């Protein structure tokens, strides 16, 4: 299958954002430069993993090079840019560090025909394979992406203190309590 590779080298903006209300949100990675906007859908868990792995990669680069990581300067709190047209739903992601340029490379890949096709094309310049969004970021942009991703994930429904599953406004049946709600007896003053 011929591959569509959406490549952004240090885009004007690379963010994660959502559309919808907590509990019904759709998460998107969005890259934008002066001429185009590309949005791909992904799961909340994928956003968390990407942010955590990017932080680990930056920490490792900083420890090896002896350079301190930059701090997020001005948080990007703007909504996703329109149009939000989903190019594909992310099935696999890759993360790498280009030592020559000092840039972090992120790739989000559409579902592949096979596991082998996905592995052969992830972070590779090949003609065949699943569609992909590939972005190269400087350290500052990566730090800002991580901070925003963590804020977006945290803005959802609060977790249950027992099972850590999201609490719904309509109620929550907690597997840790087996759906049982203990009745509290008030003392009679004896």
Protein backbone atom coordinates (compact mmCIF):
# COMPACT_ATOMS: atom_id res chain seq x y z
CA UNK A 1 0.00 0.00 0.00
CA UNK A 2 1.36 3.41 -0.96
CA UNK A 3 2.17 5.50 2.08
CA UNK A 4 1.09 9.07 2.85
CA UNK A 5 3.70 10.62 5.14
CA UNK A 6 2.74 13.94 6.74
CA UNK A 7 6.15 15.36 7.68
CA UNK A 8 6.65 18.47 9.82
CA UNK A 9 10.16 19.68 10.55
CA UNK A 10 9.85 21.91 13.64
CA UNK A 11 6.22 22.90 13.01
CA UNK A 12 4.73 26.19 14.14
CA UNK A 13 2.57 24.16 16.51
CA UNK A 14 2.44 20.52 17.67
CA UNK A 15 -0.12 19.82 20.37
CA UNK A 16 -2.55 17.34 21.80
CA UNK A 17 -6.13 18.47 22.24
CA UNK A 18 -9.65 17.15 22.59
CA UNK A 19 -13.09 17.58 21.12
CA UNK A 20 -16.13 16.80 23.26
CA UNK A 21 -17.07 16.69 26.92
CA UNK A 22 -15.15 14.71 29.57
CA UNK A 23 -16.14 11.06 29.27
CA UNK A 24 -16.86 11.52 25.56
CA UNK A 25 -13.70 13.31 24.46
CA UNK A 26 -11.81 12.42 21.30
CA UNK A 27 -8.07 13.06 21.58
CA UNK A 28 -6.07 14.44 18.66
CA UNK A 29 -2.44 15.07 17.85
CA UNK A 30 -2.30 18.15 15.65
CA UNK A 31 0.66 19.53 13.72
CA UNK A 32 0.46 22.86 11.94
CA UNK A 33 2.75 25.01 9.87
CA UNK A 34 1.97 28.04 7.71
CA UNK A 35 0.35 26.03 4.92
CA UNK A 36 -1.37 23.00 6.46
CA UNK A 37 -2.93 21.42 9.53
CA UNK A 38 -2.87 17.66 10.10
CA UNK A 39 -4.89 16.01 12.88
CA UNK A 40 -4.80 12.35 13.87
CA UNK A 41 -7.01 10.71 16.51
CA UNK A 42 -5.61 8.65 19.35
CA UNK A 43 -6.54 7.27 22.74
CA UNK A 44 -6.03 9.02 26.08
CA UNK A 45 -3.67 6.23 27.16
CA UNK A 46 -1.55 6.80 24.03
CA UNK A 47 -1.26 10.51 24.93
CA UNK A 48 -0.07 9.62 28.44
CA UNK A 49 2.47 7.11 27.16
CA UNK A 50 3.81 9.53 24.53
CA UNK A 51 4.23 12.33 27.09
CA UNK A 52 5.93 9.99 29.59
CA UNK A 53 8.29 8.50 27.01
CA UNK A 54 9.18 11.93 25.62
CA UNK A 55 10.04 13.08 29.16
CA UNK A 56 12.20 9.98 29.71
CA UNK A 57 13.99 10.59 26.40
CA UNK A 58 14.62 14.25 27.22
CA UNK A 59 15.90 13.33 30.69
CA UNK A 60 18.29 10.77 29.19
CA UNK A 61 19.57 13.24 26.59
CA UNK A 62 20.07 15.87 29.30
CA UNK A 63 21.95 13.48 31.59
CA UNK A 64 24.23 12.27 28.79
CA UNK A 65 24.97 15.73 27.44
CA UNK A 66 25.12 17.49 30.81
CA UNK A 67 22.73 20.14 29.52
CA UNK A 68 19.76 21.17 31.63
CA UNK A 69 16.30 20.75 30.10
CA UNK A 70 14.46 23.93 29.19
CA UNK A 71 11.34 24.88 31.11
CA UNK A 72 7.95 25.40 29.46
CA UNK A 73 7.82 29.14 28.80
CA UNK A 74 4.25 30.11 27.98
CA UNK A 75 1.70 27.32 28.19
CA UNK A 76 -0.28 26.77 25.00
CA UNK A 77 -3.90 26.79 26.14
CA UNK A 78 -5.45 27.57 22.77
CA UNK A 79 -7.92 25.08 21.30
CA UNK A 80 -7.08 22.87 18.36
CA UNK A 81 -6.99 24.73 15.06
CA UNK A 82 -9.76 24.29 12.52
CA UNK A 83 -10.37 22.33 10.45
CA UNK A 84 -10.05 19.23 12.62
CA UNK A 85 -10.20 16.58 9.92
CA UNK A 86 -9.07 13.19 11.21
CA UNK A 87 -6.51 11.80 8.77
CA UNK A 88 -6.41 8.45 10.57
CA UNK A 89 -6.61 6.81 14.01
CA UNK A 90 -3.19 6.10 15.53
CA UNK A 91 -2.30 2.42 15.88
CA UNK A 92 1.42 2.68 16.65
CA UNK A 93 3.86 5.37 17.71
CA UNK A 94 7.59 5.73 17.54
CA UNK A 95 9.99 8.09 19.27
CA UNK A 96 13.64 8.72 18.46
CA UNK A 97 16.41 11.24 19.02
CA UNK A 98 18.43 12.53 16.07
CA UNK A 99 21.91 13.18 17.48
CA UNK A 100 23.04 15.02 14.33
CA UNK A 101 20.31 17.67 14.49
CA UNK A 102 19.58 17.47 18.22
CA UNK A 103 15.87 17.06 17.46
CA UNK A 104 13.28 14.63 18.78
CA UNK A 105 11.34 12.68 16.18
CA UNK A 106 7.80 11.51 16.87
CA UNK A 107 5.84 9.33 14.49
CA UNK A 108 2.18 8.39 14.81
CA UNK A 109 1.17 5.63 12.43
CA UNK A 110 -2.16 4.45 11.02
CA UNK A 111 -3.13 0.78 11.29
CA UNK A 112 -0.96 -1.48 9.14
CA UNK A 113 -1.90 -4.55 7.13
CA UNK A 114 0.42 -6.61 9.33
CA UNK A 115 2.65 -6.27 12.37
CA UNK A 116 5.67 -6.72 10.11
CA UNK A 117 4.57 -3.84 7.84
CA UNK A 118 4.16 -1.59 10.87
CA UNK A 119 7.58 -2.45 12.29
CA UNK A 120 9.32 -2.10 8.92
CA UNK A 121 7.93 1.37 8.27
CA UNK A 122 7.88 3.02 11.73
CA UNK A 123 10.35 5.93 11.72
CA UNK A 124 11.68 4.77 8.35
CA UNK A 125 11.64 6.51 4.97
CA UNK A 126 9.90 3.86 2.91
CA UNK A 127 7.44 4.07 0.02
CA UNK A 128 5.09 1.34 1.20
CA UNK A 129 3.33 1.04 4.53
CA UNK A 130 0.67 2.70 6.64
CA UNK A 131 0.09 6.45 6.61
CA UNK A 132 2.01 8.38 9.26
CA UNK A 133 2.41 11.77 10.89
CA UNK A 134 6.10 12.47 11.55
CA UNK A 135 7.23 15.52 13.51
CA UNK A 136 10.69 16.74 14.48
CA UNK A 137 10.84 18.97 17.57
CA UNK A 138 13.46 21.01 19.36
CA UNK A 139 13.83 20.39 23.10
CA UNK A 140 11.80 23.48 24.04
CA UNK A 141 8.87 22.46 21.82
CA UNK A 142 9.01 18.91 23.24
CA UNK A 143 8.88 20.18 26.82
CA UNK A 144 5.91 22.38 25.96
CA UNK A 145 4.16 19.43 24.25
CA UNK A 146 4.64 17.28 27.37
CA UNK A 147 3.26 19.95 29.69
CA UNK A 148 0.18 20.52 27.54
CA UNK A 149 -0.43 16.77 27.10
CA UNK A 150 -0.41 16.28 30.87
CA UNK A 151 -2.82 19.19 31.39
CA UNK A 152 -5.21 17.90 28.71
CA UNK A 153 -5.27 14.39 30.19
CA UNK A 154 -5.77 15.75 33.73
CA UNK A 155 -8.71 17.90 32.59
CA UNK A 156 -10.92 14.83 32.21
CA UNK A 157 -13.10 13.09 34.75
CA UNK A 158 -11.56 12.68 38.22
CA UNK A 159 -10.40 9.16 39.13
CA UNK A 160 -12.12 6.95 41.71
CA UNK A 161 -9.98 6.87 44.88
CA UNK A 162 -10.35 3.08 45.10
CA UNK A 163 -9.99 1.76 41.55
CA UNK A 164 -8.59 4.78 39.69
CA UNK A 165 -11.25 4.43 36.96
CA UNK A 166 -12.90 7.68 35.83
CA UNK A 167 -15.88 8.82 37.87
CA UNK A 168 -19.01 9.58 35.85
CA UNK A 169 -21.37 12.36 36.93
CA UNK A 170 -24.22 9.81 36.75
CA UNK A 171 -22.51 7.41 39.15
CA UNK A 172 -19.79 4.81 39.31
CA UNK A 173 -19.82 1.11 40.07
CA UNK A 174 -16.41 0.47 41.53
CA UNK A 175 -14.96 -3.01 40.92
CA UNK A 176 -12.95 -2.74 44.15
CA UNK A 177 -16.14 -2.44 46.16
CA UNK A 178 -17.93 -4.92 43.91
CA UNK A 179 -20.64 -2.32 43.40
CA UNK A 180 -21.50 -2.43 47.09
CA UNK A 181 -22.05 0.80 48.97
CA UNK A 182 -21.62 0.49 52.70
CA UNK A 183 -24.43 1.93 54.75
CA UNK A 184 -23.21 4.24 57.44
CA UNK A 185 -25.06 3.86 60.72
CA UNK A 186 -25.23 6.91 62.82
CA UNK A 187 -24.86 6.27 66.52
CA UNK A 188 -27.84 6.83 68.79
CA UNK A 189 -25.72 8.54 71.41
CA UNK A 190 -25.34 5.44 73.66
